[in-house]
Amino acid sequence: MKTIQEILNFSIINLDKPAGPTSFKTSQKVKHLFNLQKTAHFGTLDPMVTGVLPIALGRACKLNEVFMHRDKTYVGIMRLHDKVSETKLKASIKKFTGEIMQLPPVKSRVKRQIRPRTVHTFNILEIQGNDVLFESRVQAGTYIRKLCHDVGLDLGIGAHMLELRRTQAGLFDESKNLVNLYDLDSAVKALEDGDEKPLRKILQPAEGLIKEILPIAEANPASKKSLLDGKPIHQADLTSKLPKEEIFALFIEEQFIGIYQQFKEDEILAKAMFVFN
C-alpha cells in the first residue's frame, strides 16, 4: 500500500470552490495546507462562481492537458432586464444551443477573438419573475457569463448572469467525492493526530483517474527502467496492442509509466508526453 505522502504527490482533489477567492488562491490554499511544492487547478472559475474545481497535487499537475479540456456543466441564474414571454425566451436560447460563435468577455485570460464553441444543452429549469434558473453543458472554454449576455442582446432587453455553480468538469462532478476546504482542514488535523483515513478518502490517486479517461497499453516489465528514462516505445516494449486512439496511457500491471502519443516512424511506435520517473 502506498504511503500517504506518495499519494499526496500524485493525486487530485475534487474541491467544492467557495464564492470569493480566485481559483488560483484556492489552489494555493490547498498547497499550503498540505505543505506541497506545487498544486494546480483544472479549469478556472470566476471568484464568485462556486462548485467543482479539481485540484491537482504534486506531479499530477503535469496532467493538465489530459484532464482540463473536457465538457463542463453549470447551473445558474440569468437575470433578464425586462419582461419577455417564455416562448420568446426559449426560442432565443435555442439559437445558442449547438455550435455557436462566441467572443470572450473583455476580462478574460484568452485572446479576445471570435471562436467556435459547442453548447450541448441549455435548459430552463424554472422562471421566477425576471430570473431564469438554467442548466447548461458546454465545451471547455465556453463563457457562461457571455452566453447570458448574448441571449439578452438577442432578446433586445439585456440580461446578465446573476449566480453560477459548476456541477461537473470532465470526470469530476458533485456526486463523486466532492469536498470543501473545511473537509480538507479536518482531514489534515486528523492526519496530525495519526489518523490517515479521512485524507485517504479525499485523495483520488491519479493512476485510477487516468484509466477512466485514456485508453491503456501494457508494457513489458523488462523495459521498465528504459521507459521511465524517457525511451520511445518499440514493439519489444509492449505486451499488448496499441490502442486505436492517438493518445494513451502506459502501465506495467498497476504501475503507471506515462502518457504517450503514437509516432510510427522507423521502429518507434510512440513517444512519451509525460513519464512518471
Protein backbone atom coordinates (compact mmCIF):
# COMPACT_ATOMS: atom_id res chain seq x y z
CA MET A 1 0.00 0.00 0.00
CA LYS A 2 1.27 3.45 -0.91
CA THR A 3 2.20 5.86 1.86
CA ILE A 4 0.06 8.95 2.32
CA GLN A 5 2.96 11.08 1.08
CA GLU A 6 3.21 9.06 -2.14
CA ILE A 7 -0.50 9.54 -2.74
CA LEU A 8 -0.27 13.26 -1.98
CA ASN A 9 2.43 13.61 -4.61
CA PHE A 10 0.26 12.22 -7.43
CA SER A 11 -3.44 12.74 -6.78
CA ILE A 12 -6.37 15.04 -7.47
CA ILE A 13 -8.93 16.54 -5.09
CA ASN A 14 -12.48 17.20 -6.28
CA LEU A 15 -12.86 20.51 -4.46
CA ASP A 16 -16.07 22.47 -3.93
CA LYS A 17 -14.79 26.01 -4.51
CA PRO A 18 -16.47 28.66 -2.33
CA ALA A 19 -17.55 32.08 -3.57
CA GLY A 20 -14.94 34.79 -3.06
CA PRO A 21 -11.40 33.59 -3.71
CA THR A 22 -9.93 33.14 -7.18
CA SER A 23 -9.23 29.64 -8.44
CA PHE A 24 -5.50 30.35 -8.11
CA LYS A 25 -5.81 31.43 -4.48
CA THR A 26 -7.94 28.38 -3.73
CA SER A 27 -5.27 26.14 -5.26
CA GLN A 28 -2.56 27.93 -3.27
CA LYS A 29 -4.52 27.42 -0.06
CA VAL A 30 -4.55 23.67 -0.72
CA LYS A 31 -0.81 23.80 -1.48
CA HIS A 32 -0.01 25.45 1.85
CA LEU A 33 -2.43 23.23 3.75
CA PHE A 34 -0.58 20.10 2.62
CA ASN A 35 2.86 21.75 2.51
CA LEU A 36 3.33 20.75 -1.13
CA GLN A 37 5.74 22.18 -3.68
CA LYS A 38 3.07 22.53 -6.32
CA THR A 39 -0.68 22.41 -6.94
CA ALA A 40 -2.76 23.34 -9.99
CA HIS A 41 -6.44 23.69 -10.78
CA PHE A 42 -8.15 22.21 -13.83
CA GLY A 43 -10.44 24.88 -15.27
CA THR A 44 -10.67 28.42 -13.88
CA LEU A 45 -13.81 29.60 -12.09
CA ASP A 46 -14.55 33.31 -11.59
CA PRO A 47 -14.19 34.41 -7.94
CA MET A 48 -17.93 34.49 -7.22
CA VAL A 49 -18.63 31.19 -9.03
CA THR A 50 -18.81 28.08 -6.86
CA GLY A 51 -18.59 24.37 -7.47
CA VAL A 52 -16.40 21.66 -8.92
CA LEU A 53 -12.75 22.73 -9.11
CA PRO A 54 -10.37 19.77 -9.49
CA ILE A 55 -7.05 20.48 -7.75
CA ALA A 56 -4.00 18.51 -8.87
CA LEU A 57 -1.33 17.77 -6.28
CA GLY A 58 2.40 17.38 -6.86
CA ARG A 59 3.31 15.62 -10.07
CA ALA A 60 -0.35 15.32 -11.08
CA CYS A 61 -0.07 18.99 -12.13
CA LYS A 62 1.58 17.74 -15.33
CA LEU A 63 -1.68 16.06 -16.33
CA ASN A 64 -3.32 19.38 -17.13
CA GLU A 65 -3.74 18.64 -20.85
CA VAL A 66 -5.34 15.28 -20.10
CA PHE A 67 -7.99 16.44 -17.65
CA MET A 68 -8.71 20.10 -18.36
CA HIS A 69 -10.08 20.37 -21.89
CA ARG A 70 -13.32 18.48 -21.34
CA ASP A 71 -17.01 19.35 -21.17
CA LYS A 72 -18.35 21.29 -18.20
CA THR A 73 -21.87 21.51 -16.72
CA TYR A 74 -23.24 24.57 -14.93
CA VAL A 75 -26.38 25.55 -13.06
CA GLY A 76 -27.03 29.27 -12.86
CA ILE A 77 -29.45 32.16 -12.70
CA MET A 78 -29.80 34.53 -15.65
CA ARG A 79 -31.49 37.84 -14.83
CA LEU A 80 -33.44 39.38 -17.70
CA HIS A 81 -33.54 43.20 -17.72
CA ASP A 82 -37.19 43.32 -18.78
CA LYS A 83 -40.16 41.03 -19.13
CA VAL A 84 -40.33 38.65 -22.07
CA SER A 85 -42.59 35.72 -22.90
CA GLU A 86 -41.38 32.23 -22.16
CA THR A 87 -41.90 31.36 -25.82
CA LYS A 88 -39.50 34.10 -26.98
CA LEU A 89 -37.00 33.18 -24.27
CA LYS A 90 -36.97 29.52 -25.32
CA ALA A 91 -36.61 30.50 -28.98
CA SER A 92 -33.62 32.69 -28.13
CA ILE A 93 -31.95 30.03 -26.01
CA LYS A 94 -32.40 27.54 -28.86
CA LYS A 95 -30.26 29.83 -31.05
CA PHE A 96 -27.41 29.43 -28.56
CA THR A 97 -27.57 25.63 -28.45
CA GLY A 98 -25.29 23.57 -30.67
CA GLU A 99 -22.23 25.10 -32.30
CA ILE A 100 -22.05 28.84 -31.70
CA MET A 101 -19.54 31.61 -32.34
CA GLN A 102 -18.53 33.31 -29.10
CA LEU A 103 -16.39 36.36 -28.40
CA PRO A 104 -14.74 36.01 -24.96
CA PRO A 105 -15.62 38.78 -22.48
CA VAL A 106 -13.32 41.78 -22.09
CA LYS A 107 -11.99 40.45 -18.78
CA SER A 108 -10.75 37.03 -19.83
CA ARG A 109 -7.45 35.15 -19.85
CA VAL A 110 -7.58 34.27 -23.55
CA LYS A 111 -7.04 36.25 -26.73
CA ARG A 112 -10.24 38.17 -27.48
CA GLN A 113 -11.32 36.82 -30.82
CA ILE A 114 -14.47 35.09 -32.04
CA ARG A 115 -14.16 31.32 -31.82
CA PRO A 116 -16.46 28.32 -32.25
CA ARG A 117 -17.81 26.64 -29.15
CA THR A 118 -20.35 23.87 -28.62
CA VAL A 119 -23.27 24.28 -26.22
CA HIS A 120 -24.53 20.71 -25.81
CA THR A 121 -27.56 21.58 -23.68
CA PHE A 122 -29.11 24.84 -22.48
CA ASN A 123 -32.26 24.08 -20.49
CA ILE A 124 -34.61 26.28 -18.48
CA LEU A 125 -35.32 24.73 -15.08
CA GLU A 126 -37.51 27.44 -13.55
CA ILE A 127 -38.62 31.03 -14.13
CA GLN A 128 -39.43 33.43 -11.29
CA GLY A 129 -40.13 36.96 -12.48
CA ASN A 130 -37.10 38.08 -14.47
CA ASP A 131 -34.83 35.39 -13.02
CA VAL A 132 -34.25 32.25 -15.10
CA LEU A 133 -32.77 29.17 -13.46
CA PHE A 134 -30.94 27.15 -16.12
CA GLU A 135 -28.59 24.22 -16.61
CA SER A 136 -26.08 24.03 -19.44
CA ARG A 137 -23.45 21.53 -20.55
CA VAL A 138 -20.81 23.15 -22.71
CA GLN A 139 -17.48 22.62 -24.39
CA ALA A 140 -14.49 23.65 -22.29
CA GLY A 141 -13.65 27.31 -22.81
CA THR A 142 -17.27 28.44 -23.19
CA TYR A 143 -18.11 31.54 -21.14
CA ILE A 144 -21.50 31.20 -19.44
CA ARG A 145 -21.49 34.86 -18.42
CA LYS A 146 -21.14 35.82 -22.09
CA LEU A 147 -23.81 33.28 -23.06
CA CYS A 148 -26.32 35.02 -20.77
CA HIS A 149 -25.27 38.43 -22.07
CA ASP A 150 -25.72 37.33 -25.69
CA VAL A 151 -29.19 35.89 -25.01
CA GLY A 152 -30.15 39.29 -23.57
CA LEU A 153 -28.87 41.04 -26.71
CA ASP A 154 -30.78 38.63 -28.93
CA LEU A 155 -33.98 39.31 -26.97
CA GLY A 156 -33.37 43.06 -27.18
CA ILE A 157 -33.87 43.56 -23.44
CA GLY A 158 -30.45 42.77 -21.97
CA ALA A 159 -29.52 40.08 -19.45
CA HIS A 160 -26.70 39.14 -17.11
CA MET A 161 -25.57 36.14 -15.12
CA LEU A 162 -26.66 36.55 -11.52
CA GLU A 163 -25.31 33.33 -9.98
CA LEU A 164 -23.38 30.33 -11.27
CA ARG A 165 -22.25 26.96 -9.98
CA ARG A 166 -20.22 24.33 -11.82
CA THR A 167 -21.62 20.88 -11.16
CA GLN A 168 -19.35 18.84 -13.45
CA ALA A 169 -15.90 19.20 -15.02
CA GLY A 170 -14.87 16.23 -17.14
CA LEU A 171 -14.60 13.19 -14.84
CA PHE A 172 -15.37 15.22 -11.73
CA ASP A 173 -18.87 16.09 -10.57
CA GLU A 174 -20.85 16.80 -7.42
CA SER A 175 -21.67 13.13 -6.85
CA LYS A 176 -18.04 11.92 -6.83
CA ASN A 177 -16.18 12.62 -3.62
CA LEU A 178 -16.75 16.40 -3.61
CA VAL A 179 -15.11 18.04 -0.59
CA ASN A 180 -14.85 21.59 0.72
CA LEU A 181 -11.99 23.44 2.39
CA TYR A 182 -13.39 22.63 5.82
CA ASP A 183 -13.24 18.91 4.97
CA LEU A 184 -9.60 19.28 3.90
CA ASP A 185 -8.68 21.15 7.05
CA SER A 186 -10.35 18.49 9.21
CA ALA A 187 -8.51 15.72 7.32
CA VAL A 188 -5.15 17.44 7.88
CA LYS A 189 -5.85 17.78 11.60
CA ALA A 190 -6.78 14.08 11.75
CA LEU A 191 -3.54 13.22 9.96
CA GLU A 192 -1.58 15.22 12.52
CA ASP A 193 -3.27 13.10 15.18
CA GLY A 194 -2.20 9.92 13.38
CA ASP A 195 -5.41 9.13 11.51
CA GLU A 196 -4.89 8.84 7.72
CA LYS A 197 -8.37 7.56 6.85
CA PRO A 198 -10.14 10.91 6.25
CA LEU A 199 -7.39 12.10 3.91
CA ARG A 200 -7.19 8.78 2.04
CA LYS A 201 -10.94 9.08 1.34
CA ILE A 202 -10.46 12.57 -0.11
CA LEU A 203 -7.39 11.99 -2.28
CA GLN A 204 -8.09 10.45 -5.68
CA PRO A 205 -4.92 8.76 -6.98
CA ALA A 206 -4.17 10.00 -10.48
CA GLU A 207 -3.40 6.50 -11.80
CA GLY A 208 -7.00 5.38 -11.32
CA LEU A 209 -8.40 8.53 -12.90
CA ILE A 210 -6.10 8.17 -15.90
CA LYS A 211 -7.54 4.70 -16.52
CA GLU A 212 -11.03 6.21 -16.65
CA ILE A 213 -10.14 8.85 -19.22
CA LEU A 214 -7.50 7.32 -21.51
CA PRO A 215 -7.07 4.01 -23.34
CA ILE A 216 -4.40 1.75 -21.84
CA ALA A 217 -1.44 -0.19 -23.21
CA GLU A 218 0.60 -2.68 -21.19
CA ALA A 219 4.41 -2.63 -21.18
CA ASN A 220 6.98 -5.35 -20.72
CA PRO A 221 8.41 -5.31 -17.16
CA ALA A 222 11.89 -5.78 -18.67
CA SER A 223 11.54 -2.35 -20.35
CA LYS A 224 10.54 -0.52 -17.17
CA LYS A 225 13.83 1.28 -16.47
CA SER A 226 14.40 2.47 -20.05
CA LEU A 227 10.79 3.62 -20.41
CA LEU A 228 10.97 5.59 -17.16
CA ASP A 229 14.12 7.20 -18.54
CA GLY A 230 12.04 8.51 -21.44
CA LYS A 231 12.82 5.95 -24.12
CA PRO A 232 10.28 5.84 -27.02
CA ILE A 233 8.13 2.72 -27.28
CA HIS A 234 9.22 -0.07 -29.62
CA GLN A 235 7.35 -3.30 -30.28
CA ALA A 236 9.54 -5.25 -27.83
CA ASP A 237 8.45 -2.90 -25.03
CA LEU A 238 4.80 -3.95 -25.26
CA THR A 239 2.83 -6.93 -24.03
CA SER A 240 -0.43 -5.64 -25.57
CA LYS A 241 -1.54 -3.97 -28.78
CA LEU A 242 -1.52 -0.20 -29.04
CA PRO A 243 -4.97 1.41 -28.69
CA LYS A 244 -6.63 2.94 -31.74
CA GLU A 245 -6.53 6.35 -30.11
CA GLU A 246 -3.52 8.61 -30.70
CA ILE A 247 -3.01 9.47 -27.01
CA PHE A 248 -2.85 6.65 -24.47
CA ALA A 249 -1.50 5.72 -21.03
CA LEU A 250 1.14 3.06 -20.46
CA PHE A 251 1.13 0.76 -17.44
CA ILE A 252 3.16 -2.18 -16.20
CA GLU A 253 0.49 -4.11 -14.30
CA GLU A 254 -0.77 -1.49 -11.80
CA GLN A 255 2.22 0.84 -12.07
CA PHE A 256 1.70 3.95 -14.18
CA ILE A 257 4.59 4.62 -16.55
CA GLY A 258 3.47 7.61 -18.57
CA ILE A 259 1.29 9.17 -21.25
CA TYR A 260 2.27 8.62 -24.87
CA GLN A 261 1.43 9.82 -28.36
CA GLN A 262 1.58 7.40 -31.25
CA PHE A 263 4.50 8.17 -33.56
CA LYS A 264 5.05 5.47 -36.15
CA GLU A 265 8.43 6.14 -37.72
CA ASP A 266 11.19 3.59 -38.35
CA GLU A 267 10.78 1.18 -35.41
CA ILE A 268 9.33 3.76 -32.99
CA LEU A 269 5.64 3.25 -32.15
CA ALA A 270 5.07 6.10 -29.68
CA LYS A 271 6.86 8.90 -27.86
CA ALA A 272 6.36 10.00 -24.26
CA MET A 273 4.41 13.15 -23.46
CA PHE A 274 4.79 12.65 -19.71
CA VAL A 275 6.79 9.98 -17.86
CA PHE A 276 6.36 9.26 -14.16
CA ASN A 277 10.04 8.82 -13.33
